C-alpha atoms as a PDB file:
ATOM      1  CA  MET A   1     116.323 -71.479  18.012  1.00  0.00           C
ATOM      2  CA  ILE A   2     119.217 -71.945  15.612  1.00  0.00           C
ATOM      3  CA  ILE A   3     122.586 -70.511  16.610  1.00  0.00           C
ATOM      4  CA  HIS A   4     123.883 -68.584  13.613  1.00  0.00           C
ATOM      5  CA  ASN A   5     127.621 -68.966  14.273  1.00  0.00           C
ATOM      6  CA  GLU A   6     127.342 -72.762  14.345  1.00  0.00           C
ATOM      7  CA  ILE A   7     126.029 -72.788  10.784  1.00  0.00           C
ATOM      8  CA  VAL A   8     127.737 -69.971   8.913  1.00  0.00           C
ATOM      9  CA  HIS A   9     130.480 -67.509   9.641  1.00  0.00           C
ATOM     10  CA  ALA A  10     132.255 -64.662   7.934  1.00  0.00           C
ATOM     11  CA  ASP A  11     136.003 -64.158   8.206  1.00  0.00           C
ATOM     12  CA  PRO A  12     137.845 -61.460   6.257  1.00  0.00           C
ATOM     13  CA  GLU A  13     140.562 -64.036   5.557  1.00  0.00           C
ATOM     14  CA  ILE A  14     138.096 -66.438   3.872  1.00  0.00           C
ATOM     15  CA  LEU A  15     136.577 -65.328   0.564  1.00  0.00           C
ATOM     16  CA  ALA A  16     136.898 -61.669   1.560  1.00  0.00           C
ATOM     17  CA  GLY A  17     134.431 -62.093   4.425  1.00  0.00           C
ATOM     18  CA  GLU A  18     131.594 -63.667   2.470  1.00  0.00           C
ATOM     19  CA  PRO A  19     129.458 -65.877   4.767  1.00  0.00           C
ATOM     20  CA  VAL A  20     130.457 -69.535   4.395  1.00  0.00           C
ATOM     21  CA  PHE A  21     129.324 -72.773   5.987  1.00  0.00           C
ATOM     22  CA  VAL A  22     131.326 -73.388   9.167  1.00  0.00           C
ATOM     23  CA  GLY A  23     134.305 -75.653   8.520  1.00  0.00           C
ATOM     24  CA  THR A  24     134.236 -75.054   4.761  1.00  0.00           C
ATOM     25  CA  ARG A  25     134.999 -72.455   2.139  1.00  0.00           C
ATOM     26  CA  VAL A  26     131.560 -72.945   0.573  1.00  0.00           C
ATOM     27  CA  PRO A  27     129.642 -69.660   0.405  1.00  0.00           C
ATOM     28  CA  LEU A  28     126.130 -69.738   1.833  1.00  0.00           C
ATOM     29  CA  ARG A  29     125.049 -67.900  -1.304  1.00  0.00           C
ATOM     30  CA  ASN A  30     125.754 -71.049  -3.327  1.00  0.00           C
ATOM     31  CA  LEU A  31     122.938 -72.894  -1.557  1.00  0.00           C
ATOM     32  CA  PHE A  32     120.423 -70.207  -2.480  1.00  0.00           C
ATOM     33  CA  ASP A  33     121.781 -69.984  -6.034  1.00  0.00           C
ATOM     34  CA  TYR A  34     121.260 -73.733  -6.519  1.00  0.00           C
ATOM     35  CA  LEU A  35     117.747 -73.665  -5.107  1.00  0.00           C
ATOM     36  CA  GLU A  36     116.842 -70.570  -7.115  1.00  0.00           C
ATOM     37  CA  ALA A  37     118.013 -72.354 -10.272  1.00  0.00           C
ATOM     38  CA  GLY A  38     115.600 -75.195  -9.497  1.00  0.00           C
ATOM     39  CA  ASP A  39     118.169 -77.685  -8.246  1.00  0.00           C
ATOM     40  CA  SER A  40     117.307 -79.898  -5.304  1.00  0.00           C
ATOM     41  CA  LEU A  41     119.081 -79.884  -1.974  1.00  0.00           C
ATOM     42  CA  ASP A  42     120.583 -83.243  -2.922  1.00  0.00           C
ATOM     43  CA  VAL A  43     122.144 -81.751  -6.056  1.00  0.00           C
ATOM     44  CA  PHE A  44     123.679 -78.979  -3.952  1.00  0.00           C
ATOM     45  CA  LEU A  45     125.016 -81.475  -1.415  1.00  0.00           C
ATOM     46  CA  ASP A  46     126.463 -83.673  -4.171  1.00  0.00           C
ATOM     47  CA  SER A  47     128.251 -80.622  -5.574  1.00  0.00           C
ATOM     48  CA  PHE A  48     129.575 -79.520  -2.172  1.00  0.00           C
ATOM     49  CA  PRO A  49     130.318 -82.650  -0.121  1.00  0.00           C
ATOM     50  CA  ASP A  50     131.992 -80.605   2.629  1.00  0.00           C
ATOM     51  CA  VAL A  51     128.574 -79.221   3.568  1.00  0.00           C
ATOM     52  CA  SER A  52     126.426 -81.597   5.602  1.00  0.00           C
ATOM     53  CA  ARG A  53     122.700 -81.999   5.093  1.00  0.00           C
ATOM     54  CA  GLU A  54     122.221 -80.766   8.666  1.00  0.00           C
ATOM     55  CA  GLN A  55     124.163 -77.575   7.920  1.00  0.00           C
ATOM     56  CA  ALA A  56     122.174 -76.883   4.761  1.00  0.00           C
ATOM     57  CA  VAL A  57     118.812 -77.503   6.419  1.00  0.00           C
ATOM     58  CA  ALA A  58     119.819 -75.383   9.421  1.00  0.00           C
ATOM     59  CA  ALA A  59     120.841 -72.551   7.076  1.00  0.00           C
ATOM     60  CA  LEU A  60     117.440 -72.688   5.398  1.00  0.00           C
ATOM     61  CA  GLU A  61     115.716 -72.697   8.791  1.00  0.00           C
ATOM     62  CA  LEU A  62     117.843 -69.726   9.865  1.00  0.00           C
ATOM     63  CA  ALA A  63     116.840 -67.838   6.721  1.00  0.00           C
ATOM     64  CA  LYS A  64     113.193 -68.639   7.431  1.00  0.00           C
ATOM     65  CA  GLU A  65     113.510 -67.402  11.040  1.00  0.00           C
ATOM     66  CA  THR A  66     115.223 -64.241   9.848  1.00  0.00           C
ATOM     67  CA  MET A  67     112.514 -63.541   7.283  1.00  0.00           C
ATOM     68  CA  SER A  68     109.763 -64.220   9.824  1.00  0.00           C
ATOM     69  CA  ALA A  69     111.368 -61.883  12.347  1.00  0.00           C
ATOM     70  CA  ALA A  70     111.799 -59.163   9.728  1.00  0.00           C
ATOM     71  CA  SER A  71     108.192 -59.394   8.596  1.00  0.00           C
ATOM     72  CA  SER A  72     106.848 -59.143  12.143  1.00  0.00           C
ATOM     73  CA  HIS A  73     108.409 -55.709  12.697  1.00  0.00           C
END
């Protein structure tokens, strides 16, 4: 199981509380925007070098777990 607060966090003092990757000011939304636009994970990571591959993959896995849990209810 992925621990949410090790991947992303929301702080009212950082981007008005928008969820960001831990240790960065990069909104999690940016990852999904890039992928939705058809860009690869590598393109996202090149654009946001403060985000590690492990963080991005973990965020995607977290989203998958969340969707799976929501669909099982």
